[in-house]
Amino acid sequence: MIEIERVALVNPSEEEKAALAQRLDQIEDAVNKMKMPLAYADQFYVLREHIVFVRRRLTGAL
């Protein structure tokens, strides 16, 4: 996630944006399939929020 966010900050090309968006999709799919113990629920939701944040930054929605 940090690497994707860093690349998104340096004005990537449209091809790079598409590749990063695809990687975010893969990460999001993997996260959504995880079975998470209740003790980690807060961290799980923070991760999901960060995925949305990075996606918005990548698309210029921020």
C-alpha atoms as a PDB file:
ATOM      1  CA  MET A   1       0.000   0.000   0.000  1.00  0.00           C
ATOM      2  CA  ILE A   2       2.762   2.436   0.878  1.00  0.00           C
ATOM      3  CA  GLU A   3       4.522   1.823  -2.426  1.00  0.00           C
ATOM      4  CA  ILE A   4       1.319   2.386  -4.394  1.00  0.00           C
ATOM      5  CA  GLU A   5       0.646   5.585  -2.478  1.00  0.00           C
ATOM      6  CA  ARG A   6       4.180   6.867  -3.085  1.00  0.00           C
ATOM      7  CA  VAL A   7       3.942   6.234  -6.818  1.00  0.00           C
ATOM      8  CA  ALA A   8       0.528   7.912  -6.905  1.00  0.00           C
ATOM      9  CA  LEU A   9       2.073  11.057  -5.403  1.00  0.00           C
ATOM     10  CA  VAL A  10       4.641  11.570  -8.187  1.00  0.00           C
ATOM     11  CA  ASN A  11       2.186  12.161 -11.033  1.00  0.00           C
ATOM     12  CA  PRO A  12       2.166   8.703 -12.656  1.00  0.00           C
ATOM     13  CA  SER A  13       1.282   8.172 -16.305  1.00  0.00           C
ATOM     14  CA  GLU A  14      -2.128   6.816 -17.254  1.00  0.00           C
ATOM     15  CA  GLU A  15      -0.565   3.379 -17.789  1.00  0.00           C
ATOM     16  CA  GLU A  16       1.006   3.485 -14.323  1.00  0.00           C
ATOM     17  CA  LYS A  17      -2.308   4.589 -12.815  1.00  0.00           C
ATOM     18  CA  ALA A  18      -4.088   1.670 -14.476  1.00  0.00           C
ATOM     19  CA  ALA A  19      -1.478  -0.787 -13.182  1.00  0.00           C
ATOM     20  CA  LEU A  20      -1.692   0.681  -9.683  1.00  0.00           C
ATOM     21  CA  ALA A  21      -5.490   0.538  -9.746  1.00  0.00           C
ATOM     22  CA  GLN A  22      -5.298  -3.106 -10.776  1.00  0.00           C
ATOM     23  CA  ARG A  23      -2.919  -3.817  -7.884  1.00  0.00           C
ATOM     24  CA  LEU A  24      -5.278  -2.035  -5.488  1.00  0.00           C
ATOM     25  CA  ASP A  25      -8.125  -4.211  -6.786  1.00  0.00           C
ATOM     26  CA  GLN A  26      -6.051  -7.317  -6.054  1.00  0.00           C
ATOM     27  CA  ILE A  27      -5.241  -6.112  -2.545  1.00  0.00           C
ATOM     28  CA  GLU A  28      -8.856  -5.200  -1.885  1.00  0.00           C
ATOM     29  CA  ASP A  29     -10.069  -8.596  -3.104  1.00  0.00           C
ATOM     30  CA  ALA A  30      -7.574 -10.367  -0.843  1.00  0.00           C
ATOM     31  CA  VAL A  31      -8.550  -8.228   2.147  1.00  0.00           C
ATOM     32  CA  ASN A  32     -12.261  -8.812   1.555  1.00  0.00           C
ATOM     33  CA  LYS A  33     -11.689 -12.581   1.565  1.00  0.00           C
ATOM     34  CA  MET A  34      -9.859 -12.557   4.904  1.00  0.00           C
ATOM     35  CA  LYS A  35     -11.425 -14.037   8.000  1.00  0.00           C
ATOM     36  CA  MET A  36     -10.525 -11.623  10.753  1.00  0.00           C
ATOM     37  CA  PRO A  37     -10.757 -12.264  14.496  1.00  0.00           C
ATOM     38  CA  LEU A  38     -12.794  -9.646  16.337  1.00  0.00           C
ATOM     39  CA  ALA A  39      -9.667  -8.508  18.182  1.00  0.00           C
ATOM     40  CA  TYR A  40      -8.275  -7.166  14.875  1.00  0.00           C
ATOM     41  CA  ALA A  41     -11.493  -5.692  13.500  1.00  0.00           C
ATOM     42  CA  ASP A  42     -10.395  -2.091  14.076  1.00  0.00           C
ATOM     43  CA  GLN A  43      -7.132  -2.596  12.184  1.00  0.00           C
ATOM     44  CA  PHE A  44      -8.995  -4.419   9.434  1.00  0.00           C
ATOM     45  CA  TYR A  45     -11.332  -1.459   8.912  1.00  0.00           C
ATOM     46  CA  VAL A  46      -8.417   0.988   8.945  1.00  0.00           C
ATOM     47  CA  LEU A  47      -6.774  -1.049   6.175  1.00  0.00           C
ATOM     48  CA  ARG A  48      -9.977  -0.977   4.131  1.00  0.00           C
ATOM     49  CA  GLU A  49     -10.246   2.793   4.619  1.00  0.00           C
ATOM     50  CA  HIS A  50      -6.631   3.203   3.532  1.00  0.00           C
ATOM     51  CA  ILE A  51      -7.343   1.278   0.326  1.00  0.00           C
ATOM     52  CA  VAL A  52     -10.165   3.721  -0.444  1.00  0.00           C
ATOM     53  CA  PHE A  53      -7.921   6.682   0.425  1.00  0.00           C
ATOM     54  CA  VAL A  54      -5.125   5.522  -1.884  1.00  0.00           C
ATOM     55  CA  ARG A  55      -7.614   4.812  -4.681  1.00  0.00           C
ATOM     56  CA  ARG A  56      -9.010   8.342  -4.377  1.00  0.00           C
ATOM     57  CA  ARG A  57      -5.544   9.828  -4.381  1.00  0.00           C
ATOM     58  CA  LEU A  58      -4.689   7.794  -7.475  1.00  0.00           C
ATOM     59  CA  THR A  59      -7.796   8.970  -9.335  1.00  0.00           C
ATOM     60  CA  GLY A  60      -7.366  12.567  -8.258  1.00  0.00           C
ATOM     61  CA  ALA A  61     -10.549  12.533  -6.185  1.00  0.00           C
ATOM     62  CA  LEU A  62      -8.733  14.101  -3.198  1.00  0.00           C
END
